[in-house]
C-alpha atoms as a PDB file:
ATOM      1  CA  UNK A   1      -7.069  65.329 183.011  1.00  0.00           C
ATOM      2  CA  UNK A   2      -8.759  65.723 179.786  1.00  0.00           C
ATOM      3  CA  UNK A   3      -6.883  66.217 175.830  1.00  0.00           C
ATOM      4  CA  UNK A   4      -7.488  66.596 172.332  1.00  0.00           C
ATOM      5  CA  UNK A   5      -8.046  63.052 170.908  1.00  0.00           C
ATOM      6  CA  UNK A   6      -9.453  63.868 167.154  1.00  0.00           C
ATOM      7  CA  UNK A   7      -6.700  61.996 164.908  1.00  0.00           C
ATOM      8  CA  UNK A   8      -6.448  60.311 161.669  1.00  0.00           C
ATOM      9  CA  UNK A   9      -5.618  57.031 161.416  1.00  0.00           C
ATOM     10  CA  UNK A  10      -4.126  54.233 158.437  1.00  0.00           C
ATOM     11  CA  UNK A  11      -6.176  51.264 158.682  1.00  0.00           C
ATOM     12  CA  UNK A  12      -7.175  48.305 156.364  1.00  0.00           C
ATOM     13  CA  UNK A  13     -10.957  47.860 155.602  1.00  0.00           C
ATOM     14  CA  UNK A  14     -10.639  44.328 154.860  1.00  0.00           C
ATOM     15  CA  UNK A  15      -6.659  41.815 154.107  1.00  0.00           C
ATOM     16  CA  UNK A  16      -5.317  42.222 151.125  1.00  0.00           C
ATOM     17  CA  UNK A  17      -3.464  44.518 148.894  1.00  0.00           C
ATOM     18  CA  UNK A  18      -2.197  48.287 149.034  1.00  0.00           C
ATOM     19  CA  UNK A  19      -5.203  49.225 147.878  1.00  0.00           C
ATOM     20  CA  UNK A  20      -7.170  48.130 150.986  1.00  0.00           C
ATOM     21  CA  UNK A  21      -5.886  51.292 152.566  1.00  0.00           C
ATOM     22  CA  UNK A  22      -7.667  53.892 154.493  1.00  0.00           C
ATOM     23  CA  UNK A  23      -7.494  56.968 155.965  1.00  0.00           C
ATOM     24  CA  UNK A  24      -9.917  57.645 158.834  1.00  0.00           C
ATOM     25  CA  UNK A  25     -11.226  60.363 161.361  1.00  0.00           C
ATOM     26  CA  UNK A  26     -11.315  58.788 164.568  1.00  0.00           C
ATOM     27  CA  UNK A  27     -11.351  59.995 168.210  1.00  0.00           C
ATOM     28  CA  UNK A  28      -8.621  58.095 170.667  1.00  0.00           C
ATOM     29  CA  UNK A  29      -9.971  56.460 173.434  1.00  0.00           C
ATOM     30  CA  UNK A  30      -8.798  57.951 176.944  1.00  0.00           C
ATOM     31  CA  UNK A  31      -5.516  56.605 177.542  1.00  0.00           C
ATOM     32  CA  UNK A  32      -4.673  55.090 180.456  1.00  0.00           C
ATOM     33  CA  UNK A  33      -2.493  56.033 184.027  1.00  0.00           C
ATOM     34  CA  UNK A  34       0.771  54.585 182.276  1.00  0.00           C
ATOM     35  CA  UNK A  35       0.209  56.007 178.471  1.00  0.00           C
ATOM     36  CA  UNK A  36       1.033  58.772 176.664  1.00  0.00           C
ATOM     37  CA  UNK A  37      -0.263  60.871 173.640  1.00  0.00           C
ATOM     38  CA  UNK A  38       2.291  61.927 170.935  1.00  0.00           C
ATOM     39  CA  UNK A  39       2.016  64.620 168.553  1.00  0.00           C
ATOM     40  CA  UNK A  40       3.347  62.936 165.607  1.00  0.00           C
ATOM     41  CA  UNK A  41       5.815  64.460 163.810  1.00  0.00           C
ATOM     42  CA  UNK A  42       7.040  61.237 161.532  1.00  0.00           C
ATOM     43  CA  UNK A  43       6.402  57.348 162.228  1.00  0.00           C
ATOM     44  CA  UNK A  44       7.998  54.611 160.295  1.00  0.00           C
ATOM     45  CA  UNK A  45       7.166  51.708 158.180  1.00  0.00           C
ATOM     46  CA  UNK A  46       7.917  48.525 158.584  1.00  0.00           C
ATOM     47  CA  UNK A  47       8.028  45.050 156.937  1.00  0.00           C
ATOM     48  CA  UNK A  48       5.175  44.122 160.059  1.00  0.00           C
ATOM     49  CA  UNK A  49       2.827  46.638 159.141  1.00  0.00           C
ATOM     50  CA  UNK A  50       3.047  45.054 155.436  1.00  0.00           C
ATOM     51  CA  UNK A  51       2.183  41.534 156.963  1.00  0.00           C
ATOM     52  CA  UNK A  52      -0.796  43.115 158.932  1.00  0.00           C
ATOM     53  CA  UNK A  53      -2.365  44.355 156.231  1.00  0.00           C
ATOM     54  CA  UNK A  54      -2.211  40.752 154.749  1.00  0.00           C
ATOM     55  CA  UNK A  55      -3.860  39.366 157.483  1.00  0.00           C
ATOM     56  CA  UNK A  56      -0.563  37.787 158.395  1.00  0.00           C
ATOM     57  CA  UNK A  57       0.310  39.617 161.736  1.00  0.00           C
ATOM     58  CA  UNK A  58      -2.689  40.262 163.819  1.00  0.00           C
ATOM     59  CA  UNK A  59      -2.091  42.776 167.103  1.00  0.00           C
ATOM     60  CA  UNK A  60      -1.778  41.846 170.271  1.00  0.00           C
ATOM     61  CA  UNK A  61      -4.985  42.076 172.136  1.00  0.00           C
ATOM     62  CA  UNK A  62      -5.247  45.597 173.396  1.00  0.00           C
ATOM     63  CA  UNK A  63      -3.248  47.003 170.657  1.00  0.00           C
ATOM     64  CA  UNK A  64      -3.706  50.456 169.683  1.00  0.00           C
ATOM     65  CA  UNK A  65      -6.319  50.285 165.753  1.00  0.00           C
ATOM     66  CA  UNK A  66      -4.133  51.546 162.761  1.00  0.00           C
ATOM     67  CA  UNK A  67      -1.087  50.741 161.568  1.00  0.00           C
ATOM     68  CA  UNK A  68       2.548  51.814 162.565  1.00  0.00           C
ATOM     69  CA  UNK A  69       5.068  50.331 165.418  1.00  0.00           C
ATOM     70  CA  UNK A  70       7.307  53.807 165.457  1.00  0.00           C
ATOM     71  CA  UNK A  71       6.795  57.108 165.807  1.00  0.00           C
ATOM     72  CA  UNK A  72       8.912  60.263 166.802  1.00  0.00           C
ATOM     73  CA  UNK A  73       6.731  63.778 168.020  1.00  0.00           C
ATOM     74  CA  UNK A  74       6.228  65.844 171.254  1.00  0.00           C
ATOM     75  CA  UNK A  75       4.167  64.714 174.444  1.00  0.00           C
ATOM     76  CA  UNK A  76       0.587  65.835 174.411  1.00  0.00           C
ATOM     77  CA  UNK A  77      -0.993  64.151 177.165  1.00  0.00           C
ATOM     78  CA  UNK A  78       0.727  62.398 180.194  1.00  0.00           C
ATOM     79  CA  UNK A  79      -1.045  59.761 182.320  1.00  0.00           C
ATOM     80  CA  UNK A  80      -0.925  60.052 185.806  1.00  0.00           C
ATOM     81  CA  UNK A  81       1.896  57.420 186.340  1.00  0.00           C
ATOM     82  CA  UNK A  82       3.793  58.718 184.218  1.00  0.00           C
ATOM     83  CA  UNK A  83       7.097  60.251 185.330  1.00  0.00           C
ATOM     84  CA  UNK A  84      10.277  61.586 183.993  1.00  0.00           C
ATOM     85  CA  UNK A  85       8.582  63.220 181.315  1.00  0.00           C
ATOM     86  CA  UNK A  86       6.829  66.608 180.328  1.00  0.00           C
ATOM     87  CA  UNK A  87       4.288  67.898 177.953  1.00  0.00           C
ATOM     88  CA  UNK A  88       6.254  68.967 174.856  1.00  0.00           C
ATOM     89  CA  UNK A  89       8.895  66.802 175.298  1.00  0.00           C
ATOM     90  CA  UNK A  90      10.580  65.728 171.768  1.00  0.00           C
ATOM     91  CA  UNK A  91      10.287  61.973 172.221  1.00  0.00           C
ATOM     92  CA  UNK A  92      10.379  59.035 170.322  1.00  0.00           C
ATOM     93  CA  UNK A  93       8.504  55.210 171.089  1.00  0.00           C
ATOM     94  CA  UNK A  94       7.488  52.451 169.867  1.00  0.00           C
ATOM     95  CA  UNK A  95       3.566  51.344 169.834  1.00  0.00           C
ATOM     96  CA  UNK A  96       2.082  48.302 169.706  1.00  0.00           C
ATOM     97  CA  UNK A  97       0.137  50.118 166.769  1.00  0.00           C
ATOM     98  CA  UNK A  98      -1.187  53.097 165.403  1.00  0.00           C
ATOM     99  CA  UNK A  99       1.529  54.951 164.853  1.00  0.00           C
ATOM    100  CA  UNK A 100       0.309  56.228 160.998  1.00  0.00           C
ATOM    101  CA  UNK A 101      -1.679  58.729 162.755  1.00  0.00           C
ATOM    102  CA  UNK A 102      -1.584  62.570 163.973  1.00  0.00           C
ATOM    103  CA  UNK A 103      -1.669  61.048 167.413  1.00  0.00           C
ATOM    104  CA  UNK A 104      -0.619  58.485 168.778  1.00  0.00           C
ATOM    105  CA  UNK A 105      -0.774  56.322 172.100  1.00  0.00           C
ATOM    106  CA  UNK A 106       2.056  55.279 173.750  1.00  0.00           C
ATOM    107  CA  UNK A 107       3.179  53.188 177.005  1.00  0.00           C
ATOM    108  CA  UNK A 108       5.355  54.719 179.277  1.00  0.00           C
ATOM    109  CA  UNK A 109       7.920  52.071 179.295  1.00  0.00           C
ATOM    110  CA  UNK A 110       8.414  52.534 175.721  1.00  0.00           C
ATOM    111  CA  UNK A 111       9.018  56.668 175.017  1.00  0.00           C
ATOM    112  CA  UNK A 112      12.521  57.635 174.969  1.00  0.00           C
ATOM    113  CA  UNK A 113      13.646  61.530 174.669  1.00  0.00           C
ATOM    114  CA  UNK A 114      14.798  61.716 171.620  1.00  0.00           C
ATOM    115  CA  UNK A 115      18.258  61.901 171.258  1.00  0.00           C
ATOM    116  CA  UNK A 116      20.152  64.956 169.973  1.00  0.00           C
ATOM    117  CA  UNK A 117      22.051  65.487 166.825  1.00  0.00           C
ATOM    118  CA  UNK A 118      19.524  64.669 164.735  1.00  0.00           C
ATOM    119  CA  UNK A 119      16.345  66.307 163.579  1.00  0.00           C
ATOM    120  CA  UNK A 120      13.246  65.013 165.326  1.00  0.00           C
ATOM    121  CA  UNK A 121      11.894  63.933 161.898  1.00  0.00           C
ATOM    122  CA  UNK A 122      14.358  61.409 161.175  1.00  0.00           C
ATOM    123  CA  UNK A 123      14.429  59.961 164.770  1.00  0.00           C
ATOM    124  CA  UNK A 124      11.358  58.220 164.002  1.00  0.00           C
ATOM    125  CA  UNK A 125      13.433  55.559 162.018  1.00  0.00           C
ATOM    126  CA  UNK A 126      15.180  54.448 165.311  1.00  0.00           C
ATOM    127  CA  UNK A 127      13.084  52.716 167.525  1.00  0.00           C
ATOM    128  CA  UNK A 128      12.243  49.698 166.036  1.00  0.00           C
ATOM    129  CA  UNK A 129      14.935  48.993 164.399  1.00  0.00           C
ATOM    130  CA  UNK A 130      17.208  50.162 167.590  1.00  0.00           C
ATOM    131  CA  UNK A 131      15.084  48.241 169.857  1.00  0.00           C
ATOM    132  CA  UNK A 132      15.415  45.087 167.647  1.00  0.00           C
ATOM    133  CA  UNK A 133      19.036  45.010 166.974  1.00  0.00           C
ATOM    134  CA  UNK A 134      19.446  45.155 171.084  1.00  0.00           C
ATOM    135  CA  UNK A 135      17.428  43.209 172.037  1.00  0.00           C
ATOM    136  CA  UNK A 136      18.397  40.540 169.439  1.00  0.00           C
ATOM    137  CA  UNK A 137      22.065  41.277 168.072  1.00  0.00           C
ATOM    138  CA  UNK A 138      23.261  41.992 171.914  1.00  0.00           C
ATOM    139  CA  UNK A 139      20.523  40.512 174.724  1.00  0.00           C
ATOM    140  CA  UNK A 140      19.893  37.203 172.767  1.00  0.00           C
ATOM    141  CA  UNK A 141      22.741  37.576 170.939  1.00  0.00           C
ATOM    142  CA  UNK A 142      25.489  38.182 173.183  1.00  0.00           C
ATOM    143  CA  UNK A 143      27.697  39.803 170.673  1.00  0.00           C
ATOM    144  CA  UNK A 144      31.010  40.715 171.912  1.00  0.00           C
ATOM    145  CA  UNK A 145      33.361  43.143 171.479  1.00  0.00           C
ATOM    146  CA  UNK A 146      36.340  41.686 168.360  1.00  0.00           C
ATOM    147  CA  UNK A 147      33.753  38.830 167.667  1.00  0.00           C
ATOM    148  CA  UNK A 148      32.323  38.386 164.191  1.00  0.00           C
ATOM    149  CA  UNK A 149      28.554  39.377 163.008  1.00  0.00           C
ATOM    150  CA  UNK A 150      26.581  38.734 159.831  1.00  0.00           C
ATOM    151  CA  UNK A 151      23.572  40.278 158.919  1.00  0.00           C
ATOM    152  CA  UNK A 152      21.312  39.343 156.122  1.00  0.00           C
ATOM    153  CA  UNK A 153      19.677  42.499 154.570  1.00  0.00           C
ATOM    154  CA  UNK A 154      22.123  44.599 155.147  1.00  0.00           C
ATOM    155  CA  UNK A 155      20.511  48.011 153.430  1.00  0.00           C
ATOM    156  CA  UNK A 156      17.293  47.464 155.200  1.00  0.00           C
ATOM    157  CA  UNK A 157      16.386  49.496 158.183  1.00  0.00           C
ATOM    158  CA  UNK A 158      17.323  46.635 160.416  1.00  0.00           C
ATOM    159  CA  UNK A 159      20.825  46.106 158.339  1.00  0.00           C
ATOM    160  CA  UNK A 160      21.688  49.493 158.384  1.00  0.00           C
ATOM    161  CA  UNK A 161      21.263  50.593 161.785  1.00  0.00           C
ATOM    162  CA  UNK A 162      22.927  46.306 162.840  1.00  0.00           C
ATOM    163  CA  UNK A 163      26.190  46.931 160.996  1.00  0.00           C
ATOM    164  CA  UNK A 164      26.528  50.493 162.517  1.00  0.00           C
ATOM    165  CA  UNK A 165      25.755  49.515 166.185  1.00  0.00           C
ATOM    166  CA  UNK A 166      28.027  46.079 165.536  1.00  0.00           C
ATOM    167  CA  UNK A 167      30.631  48.265 164.656  1.00  0.00           C
ATOM    168  CA  UNK A 168      30.697  51.005 167.231  1.00  0.00           C
ATOM    169  CA  UNK A 169      30.276  47.980 169.375  1.00  0.00           C
ATOM    170  CA  UNK A 170      33.283  47.019 167.658  1.00  0.00           C
ATOM    171  CA  UNK A 171      32.648  44.358 166.580  1.00  0.00           C
ATOM    172  CA  UNK A 172      33.617  43.056 162.763  1.00  0.00           C
ATOM    173  CA  UNK A 173      30.748  42.980 160.339  1.00  0.00           C
ATOM    174  CA  UNK A 174      29.891  41.249 157.014  1.00  0.00           C
ATOM    175  CA  UNK A 175      26.285  41.791 155.220  1.00  0.00           C
ATOM    176  CA  UNK A 176      24.566  40.364 152.619  1.00  0.00           C
ATOM    177  CA  UNK A 177      22.347  42.474 150.124  1.00  0.00           C
ATOM    178  CA  UNK A 178      20.494  41.623 146.741  1.00  0.00           C
ATOM    179  CA  UNK A 179      22.912  43.884 143.970  1.00  0.00           C
ATOM    180  CA  UNK A 180      26.360  45.323 143.570  1.00  0.00           C
ATOM    181  CA  UNK A 181      24.859  48.992 144.899  1.00  0.00           C
ATOM    182  CA  UNK A 182      23.140  47.582 148.141  1.00  0.00           C
ATOM    183  CA  UNK A 183      26.523  45.998 149.022  1.00  0.00           C
ATOM    184  CA  UNK A 184      28.953  49.074 148.012  1.00  0.00           C
ATOM    185  CA  UNK A 185      26.099  50.905 150.641  1.00  0.00           C
ATOM    186  CA  UNK A 186      27.255  48.226 153.527  1.00  0.00           C
ATOM    187  CA  UNK A 187      30.313  48.648 153.130  1.00  0.00           C
ATOM    188  CA  UNK A 188      30.278  52.558 152.911  1.00  0.00           C
ATOM    189  CA  UNK A 189      28.409  51.998 156.245  1.00  0.00           C
ATOM    190  CA  UNK A 190      31.196  50.341 157.902  1.00  0.00           C
ATOM    191  CA  UNK A 191      30.715  46.502 156.378  1.00  0.00           C
ATOM    192  CA  UNK A 192      34.455  44.771 156.660  1.00  0.00           C
ATOM    193  CA  UNK A 193      33.041  42.399 153.905  1.00  0.00           C
ATOM    194  CA  UNK A 194      29.707  42.344 152.033  1.00  0.00           C
ATOM    195  CA  UNK A 195      28.111  40.022 149.588  1.00  0.00           C
ATOM    196  CA  UNK A 196      25.889  39.969 146.343  1.00  0.00           C
ATOM    197  CA  UNK A 197      24.192  37.101 147.463  1.00  0.00           C
ATOM    198  CA  UNK A 198      22.036  36.768 144.412  1.00  0.00           C
ATOM    199  CA  UNK A 199      26.106  36.372 142.365  1.00  0.00           C
ATOM    200  CA  UNK A 200      28.103  35.163 145.206  1.00  0.00           C
ATOM    201  CA  UNK A 201      27.815  31.856 147.329  1.00  0.00           C
ATOM    202  CA  UNK A 202      28.255  34.133 150.416  1.00  0.00           C
ATOM    203  CA  UNK A 203      28.170  31.129 152.279  1.00  0.00           C
ATOM    204  CA  UNK A 204      31.083  29.666 150.889  1.00  0.00           C
ATOM    205  CA  UNK A 205      33.252  32.704 150.419  1.00  0.00           C
ATOM    206  CA  UNK A 206      32.504  33.563 154.821  1.00  0.00           C
ATOM    207  CA  UNK A 207      33.833  30.268 155.355  1.00  0.00           C
ATOM    208  CA  UNK A 208      36.741  30.786 153.935  1.00  0.00           C
ATOM    209  CA  UNK A 209      37.003  34.181 156.053  1.00  0.00           C
ATOM    210  CA  UNK A 210      37.084  31.948 159.016  1.00  0.00           C
ATOM    211  CA  UNK A 211      33.378  32.339 159.976  1.00  0.00           C
ATOM    212  CA  UNK A 212      30.993  34.395 162.213  1.00  0.00           C
ATOM    213  CA  UNK A 213      30.300  33.904 166.162  1.00  0.00           C
ATOM    214  CA  UNK A 214      26.940  35.833 165.493  1.00  0.00           C
ATOM    215  CA  UNK A 215      24.051  36.052 162.621  1.00  0.00           C
ATOM    216  CA  UNK A 216      20.829  37.949 162.500  1.00  0.00           C
ATOM    217  CA  UNK A 217      18.666  36.734 160.208  1.00  0.00           C
ATOM    218  CA  UNK A 218      15.800  37.695 158.489  1.00  0.00           C
ATOM    219  CA  UNK A 219      15.112  34.785 155.637  1.00  0.00           C
ATOM    220  CA  UNK A 220      14.532  31.468 157.368  1.00  0.00           C
ATOM    221  CA  UNK A 221      14.073  28.878 154.765  1.00  0.00           C
ATOM    222  CA  UNK A 222      17.772  27.356 153.389  1.00  0.00           C
ATOM    223  CA  UNK A 223      19.190  30.242 155.111  1.00  0.00           C
ATOM    224  CA  UNK A 224      19.082  28.211 157.970  1.00  0.00           C
ATOM    225  CA  UNK A 225      21.633  25.381 157.009  1.00  0.00           C
ATOM    226  CA  UNK A 226      24.208  27.735 155.206  1.00  0.00           C
ATOM    227  CA  UNK A 227      24.074  30.356 158.441  1.00  0.00           C
ATOM    228  CA  UNK A 228      25.027  27.055 160.358  1.00  0.00           C
ATOM    229  CA  UNK A 229      27.509  25.920 158.106  1.00  0.00           C
ATOM    230  CA  UNK A 230      29.349  29.606 158.909  1.00  0.00           C
ATOM    231  CA  UNK A 231      28.966  29.425 162.549  1.00  0.00           C
ATOM    232  CA  UNK A 232      31.875  29.129 164.263  1.00  0.00           C
ATOM    233  CA  UNK A 233      32.246  26.977 167.809  1.00  0.00           C
ATOM    234  CA  UNK A 234      29.750  28.659 170.248  1.00  0.00           C
ATOM    235  CA  UNK A 235      28.034  30.652 167.583  1.00  0.00           C
ATOM    236  CA  UNK A 236      24.578  32.180 167.991  1.00  0.00           C
ATOM    237  CA  UNK A 237      21.993  31.922 165.472  1.00  0.00           C
ATOM    238  CA  UNK A 238      19.270  34.627 166.191  1.00  0.00           C
ATOM    239  CA  UNK A 239      15.620  34.885 163.810  1.00  0.00           C
ATOM    240  CA  UNK A 240      13.670  37.669 163.892  1.00  0.00           C
ATOM    241  CA  UNK A 241      11.861  36.958 160.260  1.00  0.00           C
ATOM    242  CA  UNK A 242      11.307  34.477 157.782  1.00  0.00           C
ATOM    243  CA  UNK A 243      10.798  35.828 154.106  1.00  0.00           C
ATOM    244  CA  UNK A 244      12.102  32.340 152.650  1.00  0.00           C
ATOM    245  CA  UNK A 245       9.751  30.376 155.221  1.00  0.00           C
ATOM    246  CA  UNK A 246       9.348  29.176 159.077  1.00  0.00           C
ATOM    247  CA  UNK A 247       9.285  25.591 158.542  1.00  0.00           C
ATOM    248  CA  UNK A 248      13.371  23.951 157.828  1.00  0.00           C
ATOM    249  CA  UNK A 249      15.339  20.639 157.926  1.00  0.00           C
ATOM    250  CA  UNK A 250      18.506  21.208 160.134  1.00  0.00           C
ATOM    251  CA  UNK A 251      21.355  19.297 161.028  1.00  0.00           C
ATOM    252  CA  UNK A 252      21.453  18.710 164.964  1.00  0.00           C
ATOM    253  CA  UNK A 253      24.688  17.292 164.651  1.00  0.00           C
ATOM    254  CA  UNK A 254      26.339  20.067 164.104  1.00  0.00           C
ATOM    255  CA  UNK A 255      24.541  22.311 166.388  1.00  0.00           C
ATOM    256  CA  UNK A 256      25.117  19.725 169.082  1.00  0.00           C
ATOM    257  CA  UNK A 257      28.859  19.246 168.058  1.00  0.00           C
ATOM    258  CA  UNK A 258      29.583  23.006 168.019  1.00  0.00           C
ATOM    259  CA  UNK A 259      27.846  23.934 170.796  1.00  0.00           C
ATOM    260  CA  UNK A 260      25.520  26.539 168.949  1.00  0.00           C
ATOM    261  CA  UNK A 261      22.552  28.483 169.782  1.00  0.00           C
ATOM    262  CA  UNK A 262      19.505  28.654 167.707  1.00  0.00           C
ATOM    263  CA  UNK A 263      17.092  31.337 168.918  1.00  0.00           C
ATOM    264  CA  UNK A 264      14.764  34.385 168.250  1.00  0.00           C
ATOM    265  CA  UNK A 265      12.096  36.463 169.160  1.00  0.00           C
ATOM    266  CA  UNK A 266       9.110  38.810 167.907  1.00  0.00           C
ATOM    267  CA  UNK A 267       9.212  42.278 169.785  1.00  0.00           C
ATOM    268  CA  UNK A 268       5.093  43.470 169.328  1.00  0.00           C
ATOM    269  CA  UNK A 269       3.777  41.161 172.061  1.00  0.00           C
ATOM    270  CA  UNK A 270       6.491  41.372 174.740  1.00  0.00           C
ATOM    271  CA  UNK A 271       5.423  43.108 178.124  1.00  0.00           C
ATOM    272  CA  UNK A 272       5.720  46.664 178.974  1.00  0.00           C
ATOM    273  CA  UNK A 273       8.495  45.260 181.610  1.00  0.00           C
ATOM    274  CA  UNK A 274      10.321  43.144 178.675  1.00  0.00           C
ATOM    275  CA  UNK A 275       9.960  46.461 176.492  1.00  0.00           C
ATOM    276  CA  UNK A 276      11.245  48.577 179.282  1.00  0.00           C
ATOM    277  CA  UNK A 277      14.748  47.002 180.213  1.00  0.00           C
ATOM    278  CA  UNK A 278      14.773  46.739 176.194  1.00  0.00           C
ATOM    279  CA  UNK A 279      14.533  50.259 176.258  1.00  0.00           C
ATOM    280  CA  UNK A 280      16.571  51.075 178.500  1.00  0.00           C
ATOM    281  CA  UNK A 281      19.583  49.280 177.151  1.00  0.00           C
ATOM    282  CA  UNK A 282      18.698  51.130 174.011  1.00  0.00           C
ATOM    283  CA  UNK A 283      18.996  54.742 176.364  1.00  0.00           C
ATOM    284  CA  UNK A 284      22.235  53.573 178.021  1.00  0.00           C
ATOM    285  CA  UNK A 285      24.068  52.284 174.880  1.00  0.00           C
ATOM    286  CA  UNK A 286      22.690  53.388 171.598  1.00  0.00           C
ATOM    287  CA  UNK A 287      21.493  57.215 172.548  1.00  0.00           C
ATOM    288  CA  UNK A 288      25.646  57.852 172.984  1.00  0.00           C
ATOM    289  CA  UNK A 289      26.249  56.519 169.247  1.00  0.00           C
ATOM    290  CA  UNK A 290      23.434  57.988 167.661  1.00  0.00           C
ATOM    291  CA  UNK A 291      24.594  61.354 169.533  1.00  0.00           C
ATOM    292  CA  UNK A 292      28.467  61.350 168.740  1.00  0.00           C
ATOM    293  CA  UNK A 293      27.478  60.375 165.117  1.00  0.00           C
ATOM    294  CA  UNK A 294      28.452  56.664 164.885  1.00  0.00           C
ATOM    295  CA  UNK A 295      25.024  55.267 164.423  1.00  0.00           C
ATOM    296  CA  UNK A 296      22.726  57.097 162.280  1.00  0.00           C
ATOM    297  CA  UNK A 297      19.134  56.613 160.530  1.00  0.00           C
ATOM    298  CA  UNK A 298      19.214  56.204 157.322  1.00  0.00           C
ATOM    299  CA  UNK A 299      16.291  57.758 155.745  1.00  0.00           C
ATOM    300  CA  UNK A 300      15.394  56.340 152.049  1.00  0.00           C
ATOM    301  CA  UNK A 301      12.085  58.178 151.341  1.00  0.00           C
ATOM    302  CA  UNK A 302       9.158  59.944 153.002  1.00  0.00           C
ATOM    303  CA  UNK A 303       5.436  60.007 151.979  1.00  0.00           C
ATOM    304  CA  UNK A 304       2.165  62.082 153.125  1.00  0.00           C
ATOM    305  CA  UNK A 305       0.025  59.927 156.208  1.00  0.00           C
ATOM    306  CA  UNK A 306      -2.383  60.529 153.190  1.00  0.00           C
ATOM    307  CA  UNK A 307      -0.191  58.255 150.662  1.00  0.00           C
ATOM    308  CA  UNK A 308       0.539  55.667 152.881  1.00  0.00           C
ATOM    309  CA  UNK A 309      -0.284  52.814 150.214  1.00  0.00           C
ATOM    310  CA  UNK A 310       2.726  54.585 148.135  1.00  0.00           C
ATOM    311  CA  UNK A 311       5.211  54.057 151.205  1.00  0.00           C
ATOM    312  CA  UNK A 312       3.490  49.905 150.967  1.00  0.00           C
ATOM    313  CA  UNK A 313       4.140  49.969 147.574  1.00  0.00           C
ATOM    314  CA  UNK A 314       7.851  51.300 148.460  1.00  0.00           C
ATOM    315  CA  UNK A 315       8.537  48.941 150.810  1.00  0.00           C
ATOM    316  CA  UNK A 316       7.261  45.661 148.698  1.00  0.00           C
ATOM    317  CA  UNK A 317       9.975  46.861 145.868  1.00  0.00           C
ATOM    318  CA  UNK A 318      12.508  46.382 148.427  1.00  0.00           C
ATOM    319  CA  UNK A 319      14.118  49.586 146.669  1.00  0.00           C
ATOM    320  CA  UNK A 320      15.089  51.337 149.903  1.00  0.00           C
ATOM    321  CA  UNK A 321      17.690  51.831 151.532  1.00  0.00           C
ATOM    322  CA  UNK A 322      17.195  52.744 155.131  1.00  0.00           C
ATOM    323  CA  UNK A 323      13.974  53.822 156.670  1.00  0.00           C
ATOM    324  CA  UNK A 324      10.787  54.769 154.970  1.00  0.00           C
ATOM    325  CA  UNK A 325       8.495  57.349 156.628  1.00  0.00           C
ATOM    326  CA  UNK A 326       5.402  58.292 156.953  1.00  0.00           C
ATOM    327  CA  UNK A 327       4.651  62.542 157.782  1.00  0.00           C
ATOM    328  CA  UNK A 328       1.308  63.619 158.824  1.00  0.00           C
END
């Protein structure tokens, strides 16, 4: 089965700042039997894209060329081994690269029919965050209903999604954020408590509240010891990034005495089988929350594909609330 494969993709001519971003015309390679092509409605912008542009997060072998890890759109091509999907289906997908484009390649394991109740454009803000939160908070962190959960960066794409998913699961939720307006937004989303990490001793305040059971952290650095100090016995600390550094010192005696678990993961380089298991959990648990209104993607701003450098600039300023999208 042949298909039109002309597309524009966003790349970088060399590692660097937003000025290295380029929009190029390409012909995609013929998709594999386990792949689909998606006519992109919108693509999500994520911090790993910025790291890749800077040369700090190389794509895994075989990943499609160009930036972008999540898209929404309509199926334009089906590989011979793809079942359960039809041409024209409205879908969302986690992609290994090349999402900033008119046409994106995705492995069948990472493609889900778009949930009902939200626009196809807004649905582009779901894959990266819901896959990440499900894999790390629920699968690795084992968050249980009734437990207390802390998310750092509560107004980020991950943060806004994690607050909503944890509340839908029946957990008590705390969050940190960078100013009082963002703190209020975390509470509007359902956080039981939220703290301004610039002005408040969030770790001391959380200890006074009795601590937490699970923490999702993207900061690293000196936050690690502070996180360990507020975890309850049998608590779980899950890392997905390290904005303040990946090398830290910690007190192993505290870990041993409180029987703590420190773990973490990345998503992009996992096998299709692993991503498929995450996708199934998202479909079974998160999609119903989206369709009944308990979880929704919060779209901060949209940019045309030609303005990808402006979207990266918005992310770097850290002024967004929720997701930033690119529109082909």
